[in-house]
Protein backbone atom coordinates (compact mmCIF):
# COMPACT_ATOMS: atom_id res chain seq x y z
CA MET A 1 156.35 120.02 169.67
CA GLY A 2 152.84 117.76 168.86
CA ILE A 3 150.92 120.02 170.17
CA GLN A 4 152.03 122.58 167.76
CA ILE A 5 151.81 120.51 164.22
CA VAL A 6 148.17 119.53 165.74
CA ALA A 7 147.45 123.87 166.17
CA VAL A 8 149.37 124.72 162.75
CA ILE A 9 147.20 121.52 161.02
CA ALA A 10 143.70 122.93 162.35
CA LEU A 11 144.64 126.95 162.13
CA VAL A 12 144.97 125.52 158.15
CA ALA A 13 142.11 123.61 158.20
CA LEU A 14 140.03 126.46 159.56
CA ALA A 15 141.56 129.23 157.01
CA THR A 16 140.84 126.86 154.43
CA LEU A 17 136.50 126.24 155.27
CA GLY A 18 137.03 130.37 156.37
CA GLY A 19 137.98 130.74 152.26
CA LEU A 20 135.58 128.09 150.95
CA VAL A 21 132.67 129.87 152.59
CA TRP A 22 133.63 133.59 151.26
CA LYS A 23 134.03 132.15 147.84
CA ALA A 24 131.09 130.44 148.00
CA ARG A 25 129.22 133.65 148.92
CA THR A 26 130.98 136.63 147.11
CA GLY A 27 129.29 137.30 143.77
CA THR A 28 125.55 135.53 144.67
CA ALA A 29 122.49 137.72 145.58
CA LYS A 30 121.26 137.96 149.07
CA LYS A 31 117.41 139.86 149.16
CA VAL A 32 116.56 142.32 151.07
CA VAL A 33 113.59 142.42 152.92
CA SER A 34 113.29 145.72 153.74
CA GLY A 35 114.85 147.14 150.55
CA GLU A 36 115.28 151.74 150.88
CA ILE A 37 114.42 153.50 148.21
CA ILE A 38 117.60 155.23 146.51
CA ASP A 39 117.93 159.10 145.75
CA LEU A 40 120.13 159.15 142.92
CA LYS A 41 120.83 163.17 143.71
CA GLU A 42 122.32 161.79 146.98
CA ILE A 43 124.56 159.18 145.13
CA ALA A 44 125.22 161.93 142.11
CA ALA A 45 124.89 159.07 140.01
CA SER A 46 125.97 160.36 136.45
CA LYS A 47 126.27 158.29 132.90
CA HIS A 48 128.33 159.57 130.19
CA GLY A 49 129.09 163.07 132.43
CA LYS A 50 125.13 163.57 132.91
CA PRO A 51 122.93 162.85 135.87
CA VAL A 52 120.90 159.64 136.06
CA THR A 53 117.56 161.11 137.05
CA SER A 54 115.26 157.89 136.68
CA PHE A 55 116.00 154.16 136.83
CA GLY A 56 115.37 151.45 134.82
CA GLU A 57 111.86 150.43 133.14
CA ARG A 58 113.00 146.52 134.78
CA VAL A 59 115.79 146.62 136.73
CA THR A 60 118.85 148.90 138.08
CA PHE A 61 121.73 147.59 138.61
CA LEU A 62 124.34 150.11 141.07
CA GLN A 63 127.99 149.14 141.26
CA PHE A 64 129.93 150.40 144.02
CA SER A 65 133.15 150.51 142.84
CA SER A 66 136.92 151.78 144.15
CA GLU A 67 139.89 152.84 142.05
CA VAL A 68 142.45 149.77 143.40
CA CYS A 69 139.34 147.62 142.65
CA SER A 70 140.41 144.87 139.92
CA GLN A 71 137.36 143.24 139.85
CA CYS A 72 135.16 145.90 139.03
CA VAL A 73 136.71 146.66 135.86
CA GLN A 74 135.09 143.54 134.56
CA THR A 75 131.88 143.30 136.94
CA SER A 76 131.24 146.67 134.94
CA ARG A 77 131.80 145.59 131.48
CA LEU A 78 129.59 142.82 132.06
CA PHE A 79 126.75 144.38 132.90
CA ARG A 80 127.18 147.47 130.20
CA GLU A 81 126.87 145.00 128.01
CA LEU A 82 123.86 143.37 129.77
CA GLU A 83 122.64 147.41 129.57
CA ALA A 84 123.23 147.40 125.61
CA GLN A 85 121.18 144.32 124.73
CA HIS A 86 118.09 145.09 127.04
CA ASP A 87 116.70 148.63 126.83
CA ASP A 88 115.07 148.17 129.99
CA ILE A 89 118.17 147.51 132.28
CA LEU A 90 119.94 149.99 133.87
CA HIS A 91 123.98 149.75 135.12
CA ILE A 92 124.87 153.16 137.34
CA GLU A 93 128.47 152.70 138.85
CA VAL A 94 129.69 154.94 141.81
CA ASP A 95 133.12 154.94 142.84
CA ILE A 96 133.39 155.00 146.13
CA THR A 97 136.97 155.41 146.38
CA ASN A 98 136.30 159.48 147.64
CA ARG A 99 132.46 158.86 148.92
CA LEU A 100 132.92 157.41 152.82
CA ASP A 101 129.57 158.66 152.99
CA LEU A 102 128.08 156.33 150.83
CA ALA A 103 130.47 153.32 151.86
CA ASN A 104 129.22 153.87 155.46
CA LYS A 105 125.66 154.36 154.23
CA PHE A 106 125.07 151.34 152.07
CA ASN A 107 127.91 149.24 154.36
CA ILE A 108 130.50 148.55 151.49
CA LEU A 109 132.83 146.28 152.87
CA GLN A 110 133.90 145.17 149.49
CA THR A 111 133.95 146.42 145.55
CA PRO A 112 132.55 145.52 143.61
CA THR A 113 129.27 145.47 145.67
CA THR A 114 126.15 145.98 143.33
CA LEU A 115 122.51 146.86 144.70
CA VAL A 116 119.55 145.25 142.80
CA LEU A 117 116.99 147.87 142.21
CA ASP A 118 113.54 147.44 140.66
CA LYS A 119 111.68 150.23 138.77
CA ASN A 120 111.56 152.84 141.52
CA GLY A 121 114.58 152.00 142.92
CA VAL A 122 113.75 149.86 145.70
CA VAL A 123 117.08 147.66 146.77
CA THR A 124 115.52 144.28 146.25
CA SER A 125 118.78 142.23 146.51
CA ARG A 126 122.74 142.96 147.29
CA ILE A 127 125.92 141.36 145.14
CA GLY A 128 129.33 141.43 147.47
CA GLY A 129 132.16 140.60 144.81
CA ALA A 130 131.81 140.03 141.55
CA ALA A 131 128.41 139.45 140.08
CA LYS A 132 128.27 135.77 138.58
CA PRO A 133 126.44 136.03 135.51
CA GLN A 134 123.71 133.40 136.98
CA THR A 135 123.38 135.31 139.60
CA ILE A 136 122.75 138.47 137.08
CA GLN A 137 120.12 136.32 135.15
CA ASP A 138 118.86 135.37 138.09
CA GLU A 139 117.86 138.95 139.41
CA ILE A 140 116.53 140.14 136.06
CA GLY A 141 114.20 137.20 136.16
CA SER A 142 112.61 138.43 138.95
CA PHE A 143 111.58 141.57 137.17
CA HIS A 144 108.40 141.02 135.30
CA ILE A 145 107.35 143.59 133.51
């Protein structure tokens, strides 16, 4: 019976450690070394029912969301507010609920996942989970006009 208690305690400690690591990494940006160029036509990017044909002059936040994602709404609102305050920032949200091709291509394992793009559409960073406000400010600051 003593070994069972030790095993349960070890399992709880391991799960707690895993949860803390996951929480610390969620919402932070990870730099992409060899970023690919996003094809807006391929992802069927649109805003207000019209196709998006160009990227933000400074930075574009390409957010992948799903219908059942509660954090996606909050993240989208944060990006929309930034977009409204800055003419050189663009936010594009793509619902991947029925776009498994995009989920596979961009290795989307959770929603929201946001790709940070430069003015040419090159992926420079990736944010898994709800983006932290400081992370977003750091990403914006990394692009100089």
